[in-house]
Amino acid sequence: MAGPGFSNANFTVTAPPADLNTPPGGVIENGLLIPASPNGKGHAVIEVPATRSPDAHAQQYMNSLSQPPSMKERRLSRNSFGAALPIPRSKRSSRLSNVTTADVQEALSNTEIKAAQDGARVAKQQTREILASRVQDVKADKVELAKNMAFAFDIDGVLVHGDRLIPEGKQVLGMLNGDNELGIKIPHIFLTNGSGKPELARVAQLTQILQNPVHTEQFIQSHTPMRALAEYYNTVLVVGGEGYRCREVAEAYGFKDIVVPNDIVASDCTIAPYRVFTDEERASSRPRDFTKMKIEAIMVFSDSHDYATDMQIIMDLLRSQHGQLGTVAPDPVSQRIPIYFSQGDMLCPTEHPIPRMSQGAFRIGLEAMYKALTGVELERVVYGKPEMATYKYADEVMSAWMETIHGEDRLPENIYMIGDNPASDIIGGNMYGWKTCLVRTGVFQGGENDEESPANFGVFKNVLEAVQTACRAELGQDFKFKWDDRVNPVLHGKTSAIE
């Protein structure tokens, strides 16, 4: 497998100091307090270096906000200071699977759980597993090839459009879950810059839409790696998402004291002069005196549903003295609290025919606003694709999923990234040494390949065509994408003539 496109020369990481009591984030980098590794036994995170790139600065947007940055400038990490991005260590935390709401239970009851209770289906599956194990014994060489390849799927624009299924997505997942000539599960994970819901709620929704089981253990949203930040900060502002879903996400991740913009508006409605705050919103918020406390960090977990309010509150905190609302810092840099974004995509495919603005557009607006008000660039951290931290975490998840389905805790050598967005899916996969496939069912609607960020394995009409081409490349041109229950192992994998 080709080596990662990140090199040591890219990274300018300052080692954290031995003093672990530096408040509140740890090491001071370019005047910004950022987390330092506690270095204690049992520490549950990995720190991945981040780099500075030309895309870190808002200056290019000040007079032409409508023009996207050159994709060539986005090939390095888009994080603006040489900090370490913490990600969870090794296996997924079980607490992601323990947060269950009524809508999740309802979704699950209509999908694989209900189907698995059907006695006839279970019996048929058991019979297939017996036959498949015998076929796999006969074709041991091809089985090893199948276990040595894997797929990382973007979701929106590849498998679904919002809540609407892309038909080829169902076919692909059925084949990878065992509906193939070997009856074997081919490793695959879901790596999306989507966000805003607890992982269990999202996989229940996807299971229902895709009509195939999707598990939290193989699923990464843009903010999933950010749960590692719960070890560094106590009081945080969590922004984005529908209703209070992102508060639920942060609670599941272990953050101790979570503030959302509605809490602040409820405590002082004058902070958002253009906001009409309803009695229902006030009743569901958690107001307190925010002028007497300090918010340690800002976490933008998902797309903002109220740009005006969210931008106003974030700007107030970024210009405050160490996160205390009602104050204005004399120095906009040394007393600024850190801000984290879960992803940087400017566009996102939805059910609308033209891709909609996403979190990256919100971030660019904040950067330009901060630059205009303070005269300095906004230092910030971005997770999600194409950041190296997200791909490092994907390795952790992929190897854990291999252990779940095949009992082998290792990483397959041939990993295919299948996505629709050259600026995130393809750039990130190319830099990390994966084989990249660009599909035409989402953001990309161009020519033979993207000119700035070409997919190295090819461009395909849809996800089914991409997966079939990859499987034929790894398993042979004669590989069959359908399991046949008439198979007779005595005939060495050939189909019996007897029905």
Protein backbone atom coordinates (compact mmCIF):
# COMPACT_ATOMS: atom_id res chain seq x y z
CA MET A 1 0.00 0.00 0.00
CA ALA A 2 1.31 3.43 -0.84
CA GLY A 3 2.51 5.49 2.09
CA PRO A 4 0.55 8.44 3.45
CA GLY A 5 0.93 11.72 1.63
CA PHE A 6 1.63 13.51 4.90
CA SER A 7 5.34 13.91 5.63
CA ASN A 8 7.25 14.94 8.74
CA ALA A 9 8.30 18.13 7.00
CA ASN A 10 4.65 19.22 7.04
CA PHE A 11 4.40 19.15 10.80
CA THR A 12 5.62 21.92 13.10
CA VAL A 13 4.43 20.61 16.44
CA THR A 14 5.53 22.19 19.68
CA ALA A 15 5.87 19.58 22.41
CA PRO A 16 3.53 20.17 25.36
CA PRO A 17 5.17 21.39 28.55
CA ALA A 18 5.73 19.16 31.55
CA ASP A 19 3.57 21.43 33.69
CA LEU A 20 0.08 19.98 33.31
CA ASN A 21 -1.63 22.78 35.22
CA THR A 22 -1.38 25.42 32.51
CA PRO A 23 -4.92 26.82 32.28
CA PRO A 24 -7.19 26.06 30.61
CA GLY A 25 -5.91 24.32 27.50
CA GLY A 26 -2.25 23.60 28.22
CA VAL A 27 0.41 24.81 25.79
CA ILE A 28 0.49 28.34 24.36
CA GLU A 29 0.95 28.23 20.58
CA ASN A 30 0.96 31.54 18.69
CA GLY A 31 -0.72 33.10 21.71
CA LEU A 32 -3.60 30.59 21.73
CA LEU A 33 -4.17 28.20 24.60
CA ILE A 34 -4.51 24.67 23.23
CA PRO A 35 -4.71 21.27 24.93
CA ALA A 36 -1.62 19.62 26.33
CA SER A 37 -1.37 15.87 26.80
CA PRO A 38 -1.94 14.85 30.41
CA ASN A 39 0.56 12.03 29.79
CA GLY A 40 -1.08 10.01 32.55
CA LYS A 41 -1.50 6.26 32.70
CA GLY A 42 -4.62 5.07 30.98
CA HIS A 43 -4.89 8.25 28.93
CA ALA A 44 -7.57 7.50 26.34
CA VAL A 45 -6.57 9.73 23.43
CA ILE A 46 -4.03 9.89 20.64
CA GLU A 47 -2.61 13.25 19.57
CA VAL A 48 -2.18 13.72 15.83
CA PRO A 49 -0.09 16.62 14.47
CA ALA A 50 -1.83 19.39 12.57
CA THR A 51 -0.29 21.90 10.17
CA ARG A 52 -0.74 25.45 8.97
CA SER A 53 -1.74 25.97 5.36
CA PRO A 54 -2.58 28.94 3.10
CA ASP A 55 -6.26 28.16 3.63
CA ALA A 56 -5.87 29.06 7.30
CA HIS A 57 -6.18 32.76 6.56
CA ALA A 58 -9.30 34.76 5.80
CA GLN A 59 -7.51 37.53 3.88
CA GLN A 60 -8.26 35.96 0.50
CA TYR A 61 -11.98 36.11 1.28
CA MET A 62 -12.20 39.71 2.41
CA ASN A 63 -13.08 41.16 -1.02
CA SER A 64 -14.37 38.07 -2.82
CA LEU A 65 -16.32 35.91 -0.41
CA SER A 66 -18.16 34.15 -3.23
CA GLN A 67 -14.99 32.64 -4.71
CA PRO A 68 -13.94 29.24 -3.30
CA PRO A 69 -10.24 28.75 -2.46
CA SER A 70 -8.03 26.89 -4.87
CA MET A 71 -8.13 23.18 -4.15
CA LYS A 72 -4.35 23.12 -4.55
CA GLU A 73 -4.11 25.21 -1.39
CA ARG A 74 -6.26 22.69 0.46
CA ARG A 75 -3.92 19.76 0.01
CA LEU A 76 -2.30 20.40 3.38
CA SER A 77 -4.20 20.33 6.62
CA ARG A 78 -6.45 23.34 6.96
CA ASN A 79 -5.73 23.80 10.64
CA SER A 80 -4.15 27.11 11.41
CA PHE A 81 -1.75 26.30 14.21
CA GLY A 82 0.69 23.47 14.80
CA ALA A 83 -1.36 21.89 17.55
CA ALA A 84 -2.07 18.25 18.19
CA LEU A 85 -5.61 17.14 17.39
CA PRO A 86 -6.72 14.62 20.03
CA ILE A 87 -8.64 11.56 18.80
CA PRO A 88 -9.98 8.61 20.83
CA ARG A 89 -7.53 5.78 21.42
CA SER A 90 -8.20 2.30 20.01
CA LYS A 91 -11.70 0.84 20.34
CA ARG A 92 -14.94 2.80 20.29
CA SER A 93 -16.48 3.83 23.58
CA SER A 94 -19.52 1.79 24.50
CA ARG A 95 -21.28 4.90 25.74
CA LEU A 96 -21.97 5.85 22.12
CA SER A 97 -24.23 2.80 21.96
CA ASN A 98 -25.92 3.41 25.30
CA VAL A 99 -27.67 6.71 24.55
CA THR A 100 -31.11 5.66 23.33
CA THR A 101 -34.09 7.90 22.66
CA ALA A 102 -37.66 7.04 21.75
CA ASP A 103 -37.19 7.84 18.07
CA VAL A 104 -34.11 5.61 17.93
CA GLN A 105 -36.01 2.70 19.44
CA GLU A 106 -38.85 3.20 16.96
CA ALA A 107 -36.43 3.27 14.01
CA LEU A 108 -34.65 0.15 15.23
CA SER A 109 -37.91 -1.72 15.71
CA ASN A 110 -38.69 -1.26 12.01
CA THR A 111 -35.35 -2.53 10.70
CA GLU A 112 -32.92 -5.38 11.19
CA ILE A 113 -33.88 -6.15 14.80
CA LYS A 114 -37.47 -6.92 13.79
CA ALA A 115 -36.35 -8.89 10.75
CA ALA A 116 -33.91 -10.96 12.82
CA GLN A 117 -36.80 -12.20 14.96
CA ASP A 118 -38.38 -13.90 11.98
CA GLY A 119 -37.70 -17.62 12.47
CA ALA A 120 -37.66 -18.56 8.79
CA ARG A 121 -35.16 -15.85 7.96
CA VAL A 122 -32.86 -16.88 10.82
CA ALA A 123 -32.96 -20.51 9.71
CA LYS A 124 -32.15 -19.55 6.12
CA GLN A 125 -29.27 -17.35 7.28
CA GLN A 126 -27.83 -20.17 9.39
CA THR A 127 -27.98 -22.51 6.40
CA ARG A 128 -26.24 -19.91 4.24
CA GLU A 129 -23.49 -19.44 6.85
CA ILE A 130 -22.79 -23.18 6.87
CA LEU A 131 -22.60 -23.30 3.09
CA ALA A 132 -20.50 -20.13 2.96
CA SER A 133 -17.96 -21.47 5.45
CA ARG A 134 -17.46 -24.53 3.26
CA VAL A 135 -17.11 -22.44 0.11
CA GLN A 136 -14.58 -20.22 1.91
CA ASP A 137 -12.56 -23.30 2.90
CA VAL A 138 -12.36 -24.29 -0.76
CA LYS A 139 -11.50 -20.77 -1.95
CA ALA A 140 -9.13 -19.83 0.88
CA ASP A 141 -6.84 -17.76 -1.35
CA LYS A 142 -9.69 -15.55 -2.59
CA VAL A 143 -11.00 -15.23 0.97
CA GLU A 144 -7.67 -13.77 2.11
CA LEU A 145 -7.80 -11.26 -0.73
CA ALA A 146 -11.34 -10.25 0.27
CA LYS A 147 -10.26 -9.74 3.90
CA ASN A 148 -7.29 -7.68 2.77
CA MET A 149 -9.44 -5.05 1.05
CA ALA A 150 -11.85 -2.56 2.62
CA PHE A 151 -14.06 0.40 1.79
CA ALA A 152 -14.61 3.75 3.47
CA PHE A 153 -17.88 5.29 2.27
CA ASP A 154 -18.96 8.87 2.39
CA ILE A 155 -22.73 8.86 2.92
CA ASP A 156 -24.53 11.94 1.59
CA GLY A 157 -24.23 12.01 -2.19
CA VAL A 158 -22.86 8.44 -2.32
CA LEU A 159 -25.39 6.20 -0.56
CA VAL A 160 -28.24 8.62 0.15
CA HIS A 161 -29.57 12.07 -0.69
CA GLY A 162 -30.82 13.33 2.66
CA ASP A 163 -33.45 10.76 3.66
CA ARG A 164 -33.77 9.37 0.15
CA LEU A 165 -31.97 6.16 -0.85
CA ILE A 166 -29.63 6.02 -3.83
CA PRO A 167 -30.68 2.52 -5.09
CA GLU A 168 -27.13 1.38 -5.85
CA GLY A 169 -26.22 1.98 -2.20
CA LYS A 170 -28.54 -0.81 -1.04
CA GLN A 171 -27.06 -3.21 -3.62
CA VAL A 172 -23.49 -2.40 -2.57
CA LEU A 173 -24.07 -2.91 1.15
CA GLY A 174 -25.92 -6.17 0.52
CA MET A 175 -22.97 -7.48 -1.45
CA LEU A 176 -20.39 -6.35 1.13
CA ASN A 177 -22.46 -7.88 3.94
CA GLY A 178 -22.18 -11.33 2.38
CA ASP A 179 -24.34 -11.41 -0.76
CA ASN A 180 -21.41 -12.46 -2.96
CA GLU A 181 -20.00 -15.70 -4.30
CA LEU A 182 -17.95 -16.31 -1.13
CA GLY A 183 -20.73 -15.42 1.29
CA ILE A 184 -18.09 -13.32 3.09
CA LYS A 185 -18.35 -9.94 4.75
CA ILE A 186 -15.94 -7.50 3.11
CA PRO A 187 -14.78 -4.86 5.66
CA HIS A 188 -16.29 -1.40 5.27
CA ILE A 189 -16.85 1.68 7.40
CA PHE A 190 -18.81 4.89 6.96
CA LEU A 191 -16.77 8.11 7.07
CA THR A 192 -18.99 11.14 6.76
CA ASN A 193 -18.68 14.87 7.36
CA GLY A 194 -22.34 14.75 8.31
CA SER A 195 -23.16 15.56 11.91
CA GLY A 196 -25.73 16.76 14.41
CA LYS A 197 -27.17 13.53 15.86
CA PRO A 198 -26.02 10.89 18.36
CA GLU A 199 -24.31 8.04 16.53
CA LEU A 200 -26.99 5.49 17.46
CA ALA A 201 -29.77 7.69 16.11
CA ARG A 202 -27.96 8.19 12.83
CA VAL A 203 -27.11 4.51 12.27
CA ALA A 204 -30.72 3.55 13.07
CA GLN A 205 -31.88 6.04 10.43
CA LEU A 206 -29.34 4.75 7.89
CA THR A 207 -30.25 1.12 8.60
CA GLN A 208 -33.83 1.93 7.75
CA ILE A 209 -33.01 3.93 4.61
CA LEU A 210 -30.34 1.58 3.25
CA GLN A 211 -32.24 -1.59 4.27
CA ASN A 212 -28.96 -3.02 5.52
CA PRO A 213 -27.54 -3.11 9.06
CA VAL A 214 -25.23 -0.23 9.96
CA HIS A 215 -23.45 -0.40 13.34
CA THR A 216 -22.01 2.35 15.53
CA GLU A 217 -18.73 0.39 15.54
CA GLN A 218 -18.25 1.09 11.82
CA PHE A 219 -19.60 4.63 11.74
CA ILE A 220 -17.70 7.94 12.00
CA GLN A 221 -19.43 11.32 11.90
CA SER A 222 -17.39 14.49 11.63
CA HIS A 223 -17.64 15.15 15.36
CA THR A 224 -17.10 11.53 16.53
CA PRO A 225 -13.32 11.98 17.05
CA MET A 226 -14.02 15.19 18.98
CA ARG A 227 -15.18 13.17 21.98
CA ALA A 228 -11.49 13.01 22.88
CA LEU A 229 -11.70 16.73 23.73
CA ALA A 230 -13.91 15.91 26.73
CA GLU A 231 -10.69 15.08 28.59
CA TYR A 232 -9.39 18.63 28.14
CA TYR A 233 -12.29 21.02 28.80
CA ASN A 234 -15.01 21.32 31.43
CA THR A 235 -17.34 24.14 30.32
CA VAL A 236 -17.85 24.34 26.55
CA LEU A 237 -20.19 26.08 24.11
CA VAL A 238 -21.63 23.57 21.64
CA VAL A 239 -23.02 25.08 18.42
CA GLY A 240 -25.10 23.73 15.54
CA GLY A 241 -27.63 21.06 14.81
CA GLU A 242 -31.37 20.76 15.18
CA GLY A 243 -32.92 21.53 18.56
CA TYR A 244 -30.80 20.19 21.39
CA ARG A 245 -29.41 17.17 19.56
CA CYS A 246 -25.81 18.40 19.75
CA ARG A 247 -26.14 18.80 23.51
CA GLU A 248 -27.15 15.12 23.60
CA VAL A 249 -24.09 14.27 21.51
CA ALA A 250 -21.76 16.19 23.82
CA GLU A 251 -23.28 14.54 26.88
CA ALA A 252 -22.73 11.12 25.30
CA TYR A 253 -19.10 12.04 24.66
CA GLY A 254 -18.54 12.85 28.33
CA PHE A 255 -18.39 16.65 28.30
CA LYS A 256 -19.18 17.82 31.82
CA ASP A 257 -20.73 21.29 31.48
CA ILE A 258 -22.41 21.99 28.14
CA VAL A 259 -23.76 25.38 27.09
CA VAL A 260 -25.75 25.95 23.87
CA PRO A 261 -26.63 29.32 22.31
CA ASN A 262 -30.26 29.10 23.49
CA ASP A 263 -29.06 28.98 27.11
CA ILE A 264 -27.25 32.28 26.60
CA VAL A 265 -30.16 33.96 24.78
CA ALA A 266 -32.53 32.83 27.53
CA SER A 267 -30.31 34.49 30.12
CA ASP A 268 -30.06 37.77 28.16
CA CYS A 269 -32.24 38.24 25.07
CA THR A 270 -30.41 41.48 24.15
CA ILE A 271 -27.34 39.47 23.13
CA ALA A 272 -29.17 38.45 19.90
CA PRO A 273 -31.19 41.52 18.87
CA TYR A 274 -32.61 39.93 15.70
CA ARG A 275 -33.74 36.71 17.35
CA VAL A 276 -37.39 36.04 18.16
CA PHE A 277 -37.11 33.80 21.21
CA THR A 278 -40.24 31.73 21.84
CA ASP A 279 -41.68 30.65 25.18
CA GLU A 280 -41.13 27.03 24.19
CA GLU A 281 -37.42 27.66 23.54
CA ARG A 282 -37.08 29.49 26.83
CA ALA A 283 -38.71 26.64 28.73
CA SER A 284 -36.32 24.07 27.24
CA SER A 285 -33.13 26.12 27.76
CA ARG A 286 -30.82 26.26 30.77
CA PRO A 287 -30.18 29.93 31.55
CA ARG A 288 -27.70 31.14 34.19
CA ASP A 289 -25.51 34.16 34.80
CA PHE A 290 -22.87 33.74 32.11
CA THR A 291 -21.10 36.96 33.13
CA LYS A 292 -19.87 35.17 36.27
CA MET A 293 -18.40 32.09 34.59
CA LYS A 294 -15.86 31.24 31.91
CA ILE A 295 -16.46 29.11 28.84
CA GLU A 296 -13.23 27.27 28.05
CA ALA A 297 -13.74 26.34 24.41
CA ILE A 298 -16.19 26.57 21.50
CA MET A 299 -17.22 23.39 19.67
CA VAL A 300 -19.05 23.78 16.36
CA PHE A 301 -20.47 20.27 16.08
CA SER A 302 -22.81 20.78 13.12
CA ASP A 303 -24.28 23.28 10.68
CA SER A 304 -25.72 26.40 12.27
CA HIS A 305 -29.51 26.73 12.06
CA ASP A 306 -29.37 30.41 13.05
CA TYR A 307 -26.32 32.14 11.57
CA ALA A 308 -27.06 35.55 13.11
CA THR A 309 -27.40 34.35 16.70
CA ASP A 310 -24.61 31.78 16.58
CA MET A 311 -22.12 34.16 14.94
CA GLN A 312 -22.93 36.93 17.42
CA ILE A 313 -22.40 34.70 20.46
CA ILE A 314 -19.24 33.11 19.05
CA MET A 315 -17.77 36.51 18.22
CA ASP A 316 -18.59 37.77 21.72
CA LEU A 317 -16.73 34.82 23.23
CA LEU A 318 -13.74 35.03 20.86
CA ARG A 319 -13.29 38.72 21.74
CA SER A 320 -13.88 38.24 25.47
CA GLN A 321 -11.38 37.82 28.30
CA HIS A 322 -10.86 34.05 28.60
CA GLY A 323 -14.42 33.19 27.61
CA GLN A 324 -16.31 35.43 30.03
CA LEU A 325 -19.34 37.00 28.36
CA GLY A 326 -19.81 40.72 28.96
CA THR A 327 -16.08 41.41 28.70
CA VAL A 328 -13.90 42.60 25.81
CA ALA A 329 -10.24 41.58 25.88
CA PRO A 330 -7.71 44.37 25.27
CA ASP A 331 -5.60 41.83 23.35
CA PRO A 332 -7.70 39.74 20.91
CA VAL A 333 -5.08 36.98 20.75
CA SER A 334 -3.56 36.22 24.15
CA GLN A 335 -6.91 36.00 25.96
CA ARG A 336 -8.85 34.18 23.23
CA ILE A 337 -10.39 30.78 23.88
CA PRO A 338 -9.95 28.00 21.28
CA ILE A 339 -12.61 27.16 18.70
CA TYR A 340 -13.05 23.75 17.06
CA PHE A 341 -15.04 22.89 13.92
CA SER A 342 -16.15 19.33 13.24
CA GLN A 343 -15.57 19.64 9.47
CA GLY A 344 -14.71 22.14 6.75
CA ASP A 345 -16.92 21.32 3.74
CA MET A 346 -18.28 24.43 2.06
CA LEU A 347 -20.97 22.51 0.15
CA CYS A 348 -23.13 19.53 1.03
CA PRO A 349 -25.41 17.45 -1.23
CA THR A 350 -29.04 17.34 -0.07
CA GLU A 351 -32.41 16.59 -1.62
CA HIS A 352 -32.18 20.01 -3.29
CA PRO A 353 -30.74 19.71 -6.83
CA ILE A 354 -27.93 22.21 -6.09
CA PRO A 355 -25.57 21.47 -3.14
CA ARG A 356 -26.23 23.66 -0.09
CA MET A 357 -23.75 25.65 2.00
CA SER A 358 -22.26 23.69 4.88
CA GLN A 359 -20.17 24.29 7.98
CA GLY A 360 -17.13 25.43 6.01
CA ALA A 361 -19.06 28.42 4.68
CA PHE A 362 -20.09 29.31 8.24
CA ARG A 363 -16.43 29.09 9.33
CA ILE A 364 -15.25 31.32 6.48
CA GLY A 365 -17.83 33.93 7.47
CA LEU A 366 -16.60 33.85 11.06
CA GLU A 367 -12.96 34.14 10.00
CA ALA A 368 -13.67 37.14 7.78
CA MET A 369 -15.77 38.80 10.49
CA TYR A 370 -13.09 38.23 13.14
CA LYS A 371 -10.39 39.61 10.83
CA ALA A 372 -12.48 42.71 10.10
CA LEU A 373 -13.20 43.40 13.78
CA THR A 374 -9.78 42.62 15.29
CA GLY A 375 -7.29 42.97 12.43
CA VAL A 376 -5.79 39.52 13.11
CA GLU A 377 -6.43 36.07 11.69
CA LEU A 378 -8.61 33.64 13.63
CA GLU A 379 -6.69 30.61 14.84
CA ARG A 380 -8.91 27.53 14.83
CA VAL A 381 -8.94 23.74 14.56
CA VAL A 382 -10.89 21.73 11.97
CA TYR A 383 -11.71 18.03 12.26
CA GLY A 384 -13.44 15.88 9.60
CA LYS A 385 -12.26 14.99 6.12
CA PRO A 386 -9.64 15.69 4.82
CA GLU A 387 -7.87 16.21 8.17
CA MET A 388 -5.24 13.62 9.05
CA ALA A 389 -6.72 13.09 12.53
CA THR A 390 -9.97 11.79 11.03
CA TYR A 391 -8.12 9.27 8.84
CA LYS A 392 -6.00 8.12 11.78
CA TYR A 393 -9.21 7.52 13.68
CA ALA A 394 -10.65 5.69 10.65
CA ASP A 395 -7.71 3.27 10.90
CA GLU A 396 -8.64 2.59 14.51
CA VAL A 397 -12.27 1.94 13.61
CA MET A 398 -11.44 -0.18 10.56
CA SER A 399 -9.10 -2.50 12.47
CA ALA A 400 -11.67 -2.85 15.28
CA TRP A 401 -14.38 -3.74 12.75
CA MET A 402 -12.05 -6.34 11.19
CA GLU A 403 -11.80 -7.95 14.61
CA THR A 404 -15.60 -7.90 14.97
CA ILE A 405 -16.39 -9.61 11.66
CA HIS A 406 -13.28 -11.76 11.12
CA GLY A 407 -11.56 -12.01 14.51
CA GLU A 408 -8.44 -10.28 13.18
CA ASP A 409 -7.39 -7.00 14.79
CA ARG A 410 -5.49 -5.59 11.82
CA LEU A 411 -5.84 -3.06 9.04
CA PRO A 412 -6.50 -4.30 5.47
CA GLU A 413 -3.81 -3.22 3.03
CA ASN A 414 -6.05 -2.10 0.16
CA ILE A 415 -8.49 0.57 1.31
CA TYR A 416 -10.81 2.36 -1.11
CA MET A 417 -12.33 5.74 -0.26
CA ILE A 418 -15.57 6.32 -2.17
CA GLY A 419 -16.89 9.88 -2.14
CA ASP A 420 -18.58 12.61 -4.13
CA ASN A 421 -16.62 15.66 -2.88
CA PRO A 422 -13.11 16.17 -4.32
CA ALA A 423 -12.32 18.84 -1.69
CA SER A 424 -12.69 16.43 1.23
CA ASP A 425 -13.21 12.77 0.28
CA ILE A 426 -10.65 12.65 -2.52
CA ILE A 427 -7.98 15.01 -1.16
CA GLY A 428 -7.99 13.26 2.20
CA GLY A 429 -7.88 9.77 0.75
CA ASN A 430 -5.10 10.69 -1.69
CA MET A 431 -2.98 12.23 1.06
CA TYR A 432 -3.46 9.24 3.33
CA GLY A 433 -2.40 6.70 0.71
CA TRP A 434 -5.83 5.22 0.07
CA LYS A 435 -7.24 4.41 -3.36
CA THR A 436 -9.86 7.03 -4.16
CA CYS A 437 -13.07 6.71 -6.21
CA LEU A 438 -15.13 9.75 -7.20
CA VAL A 439 -18.82 9.24 -7.96
CA ARG A 440 -21.17 11.49 -9.93
CA THR A 441 -24.20 11.24 -7.63
CA GLY A 442 -23.36 14.18 -5.35
CA VAL A 443 -21.20 17.31 -5.30
CA PHE A 444 -18.99 16.32 -8.27
CA GLN A 445 -20.69 16.85 -11.63
CA GLY A 446 -17.57 17.59 -13.71
CA GLY A 447 -15.73 16.00 -16.60
CA GLU A 448 -13.51 12.92 -16.75
CA ASN A 449 -11.97 13.68 -13.34
CA ASP A 450 -11.64 16.63 -10.97
CA GLU A 451 -8.90 18.90 -12.29
CA GLU A 452 -7.62 20.10 -8.90
CA SER A 453 -8.09 16.92 -6.85
CA PRO A 454 -8.30 13.91 -9.18
CA ALA A 455 -9.38 10.53 -7.81
CA ASN A 456 -6.45 8.14 -8.20
CA PHE A 457 -8.56 5.01 -8.87
CA GLY A 458 -11.10 6.64 -11.14
CA VAL A 459 -14.44 8.38 -11.60
CA PHE A 460 -17.64 6.32 -11.64
CA LYS A 461 -21.30 6.78 -12.44
CA ASN A 462 -22.35 5.57 -8.99
CA VAL A 463 -21.17 3.68 -5.91
CA LEU A 464 -22.07 0.26 -7.32
CA GLU A 465 -19.88 0.75 -10.37
CA ALA A 466 -17.00 1.91 -8.14
CA VAL A 467 -17.23 -1.07 -5.76
CA GLN A 468 -17.58 -3.62 -8.53
CA THR A 469 -14.51 -2.22 -10.31
CA ALA A 470 -12.49 -2.30 -7.09
CA CYS A 471 -13.55 -5.87 -6.28
CA ARG A 472 -12.66 -7.09 -9.74
CA ALA A 473 -9.24 -5.42 -9.41
CA GLU A 474 -8.58 -7.21 -6.10
CA LEU A 475 -10.51 -10.49 -6.49
CA GLY A 476 -10.43 -11.12 -10.24
CA GLN A 477 -12.62 -10.27 -13.20
CA ASP A 478 -14.73 -13.39 -12.65
CA PHE A 479 -15.79 -12.46 -9.10
CA LYS A 480 -19.56 -12.82 -8.74
CA PHE A 481 -21.54 -10.18 -6.86
CA LYS A 482 -24.40 -12.44 -5.83
CA TRP A 483 -24.62 -15.39 -3.48
CA ASP A 484 -26.32 -18.47 -4.94
CA ASP A 485 -28.09 -20.73 -2.42
CA ARG A 486 -27.81 -23.59 -4.92
CA VAL A 487 -24.04 -23.70 -4.44
CA ASN A 488 -22.61 -27.16 -3.77
CA PRO A 489 -19.24 -27.13 -1.95
CA VAL A 490 -18.48 -30.61 -3.30
CA LEU A 491 -18.31 -29.01 -6.75
CA HIS A 492 -15.60 -26.62 -5.45
CA GLY A 493 -17.79 -23.51 -5.43
CA LYS A 494 -19.55 -24.21 -8.72
CA THR A 495 -23.35 -23.97 -8.80
CA SER A 496 -25.28 -27.22 -8.60
CA ALA A 497 -27.68 -27.97 -11.39
CA ILE A 498 -30.21 -29.11 -8.80
CA GLU A 499 -32.65 -26.44 -7.65
